[in-house]
C-alpha atoms as a PDB file:
ATOM      1  CA  MET A   1      28.710  63.198  87.377  1.00  0.00           C
ATOM      2  CA  SER A   2      29.866  62.660  83.860  1.00  0.00           C
ATOM      3  CA  HIS A   3      28.462  61.556  80.591  1.00  0.00           C
ATOM      4  CA  LEU A   4      29.649  61.151  77.046  1.00  0.00           C
ATOM      5  CA  HIS A   5      28.086  62.913  74.115  1.00  0.00           C
ATOM      6  CA  PHE A   6      27.463  60.819  70.983  1.00  0.00           C
ATOM      7  CA  GLN A   7      29.614  57.909  72.144  1.00  0.00           C
ATOM      8  CA  TYR A   8      29.261  55.490  75.011  1.00  0.00           C
ATOM      9  CA  ALA A   9      31.975  52.926  75.601  1.00  0.00           C
ATOM     10  CA  SER A  10      32.790  50.203  78.065  1.00  0.00           C
ATOM     11  CA  GLY A  11      36.243  51.655  78.703  1.00  0.00           C
ATOM     12  CA  PRO A  12      38.547  54.529  77.797  1.00  0.00           C
ATOM     13  CA  GLU A  13      40.540  52.324  75.421  1.00  0.00           C
ATOM     14  CA  HIS A  14      37.500  52.397  73.125  1.00  0.00           C
ATOM     15  CA  LEU A  15      37.392  56.209  73.123  1.00  0.00           C
ATOM     16  CA  PHE A  16      41.077  57.158  73.030  1.00  0.00           C
ATOM     17  CA  ASP A  17      43.817  56.261  70.582  1.00  0.00           C
ATOM     18  CA  PRO A  18      46.590  54.813  72.788  1.00  0.00           C
ATOM     19  CA  GLU A  19      49.357  56.111  70.500  1.00  0.00           C
ATOM     20  CA  THR A  20      48.214  59.736  70.398  1.00  0.00           C
ATOM     21  CA  ASN A  21      46.087  59.856  73.582  1.00  0.00           C
ATOM     22  CA  THR A  22      43.432  61.724  71.600  1.00  0.00           C
ATOM     23  CA  LEU A  23      39.801  60.895  70.963  1.00  0.00           C
ATOM     24  CA  ARG A  24      39.341  58.279  68.245  1.00  0.00           C
ATOM     25  CA  SER A  25      36.608  60.443  66.715  1.00  0.00           C
ATOM     26  CA  PRO A  26      36.453  64.236  67.096  1.00  0.00           C
ATOM     27  CA  ILE A  27      32.652  64.159  67.466  1.00  0.00           C
ATOM     28  CA  TRP A  28      32.996  62.168  70.704  1.00  0.00           C
ATOM     29  CA  TYR A  29      33.797  64.063  73.865  1.00  0.00           C
ATOM     30  CA  ALA A  30      33.350  63.670  77.586  1.00  0.00           C
ATOM     31  CA  THR A  31      31.567  66.076  79.894  1.00  0.00           C
ATOM     32  CA  MET A  32      32.679  66.080  83.495  1.00  0.00           C
ATOM     33  CA  CYS A  33      31.068  67.886  86.415  1.00  0.00           C
ATOM     34  CA  ASP A  34      32.924  68.741  89.606  1.00  0.00           C
ATOM     35  CA  ALA A  35      32.021  66.221  92.295  1.00  0.00           C
ATOM     36  CA  ALA A  36      32.084  69.031  94.868  1.00  0.00           C
ATOM     37  CA  GLY A  37      28.985  70.563  93.278  1.00  0.00           C
ATOM     38  CA  THR A  38      25.509  69.723  94.454  1.00  0.00           C
ATOM     39  CA  LEU A  39      23.399  67.318  92.415  1.00  0.00           C
ATOM     40  CA  LEU A  40      21.278  70.269  91.269  1.00  0.00           C
ATOM     41  CA  GLU A  41      24.396  72.147  90.101  1.00  0.00           C
ATOM     42  CA  GLN A  42      25.695  69.081  88.273  1.00  0.00           C
ATOM     43  CA  CYS A  43      22.355  68.473  86.569  1.00  0.00           C
ATOM     44  CA  ASN A  44      22.149  72.108  85.485  1.00  0.00           C
ATOM     45  CA  ILE A  45      25.611  71.924  83.892  1.00  0.00           C
ATOM     46  CA  VAL A  46      24.464  68.995  81.757  1.00  0.00           C
ATOM     47  CA  ARG A  47      21.136  70.685  81.004  1.00  0.00           C
ATOM     48  CA  ALA A  48      22.940  73.883  79.919  1.00  0.00           C
ATOM     49  CA  LEU A  49      25.172  71.896  77.545  1.00  0.00           C
ATOM     50  CA  HIS A  50      22.002  70.594  75.888  1.00  0.00           C
ATOM     51  CA  ARG A  51      20.456  74.078  75.881  1.00  0.00           C
ATOM     52  CA  LEU A  52      17.678  72.949  78.208  1.00  0.00           C
ATOM     53  CA  PRO A  53      16.086  75.207  80.830  1.00  0.00           C
ATOM     54  CA  LEU A  54      17.858  75.097  84.192  1.00  0.00           C
ATOM     55  CA  TRP A  55      16.097  73.725  87.238  1.00  0.00           C
ATOM     56  CA  ALA A  56      15.467  75.812  90.353  1.00  0.00           C
ATOM     57  CA  GLU A  57      15.175  72.555  92.296  1.00  0.00           C
ATOM     58  CA  LEU A  58      15.461  68.855  91.587  1.00  0.00           C
ATOM     59  CA  PRO A  59      12.276  67.163  90.380  1.00  0.00           C
ATOM     60  CA  GLU A  60      10.550  64.840  92.801  1.00  0.00           C
ATOM     61  CA  LYS A  61      11.082  61.137  92.305  1.00  0.00           C
END
């Protein structure tokens, strides 16, 4: 699971400067979650980054 904060792009070339391999804008950054984690763990990482309460279990669909 991953998502970008403040910037969404159709490809990495729109986020990174190819000459410096750094983000084009310092306010844009990626958040990556380990794929080995459960969906609940991954969701709670993203929720924690947004200072939201963590879930004890996934909400029902």
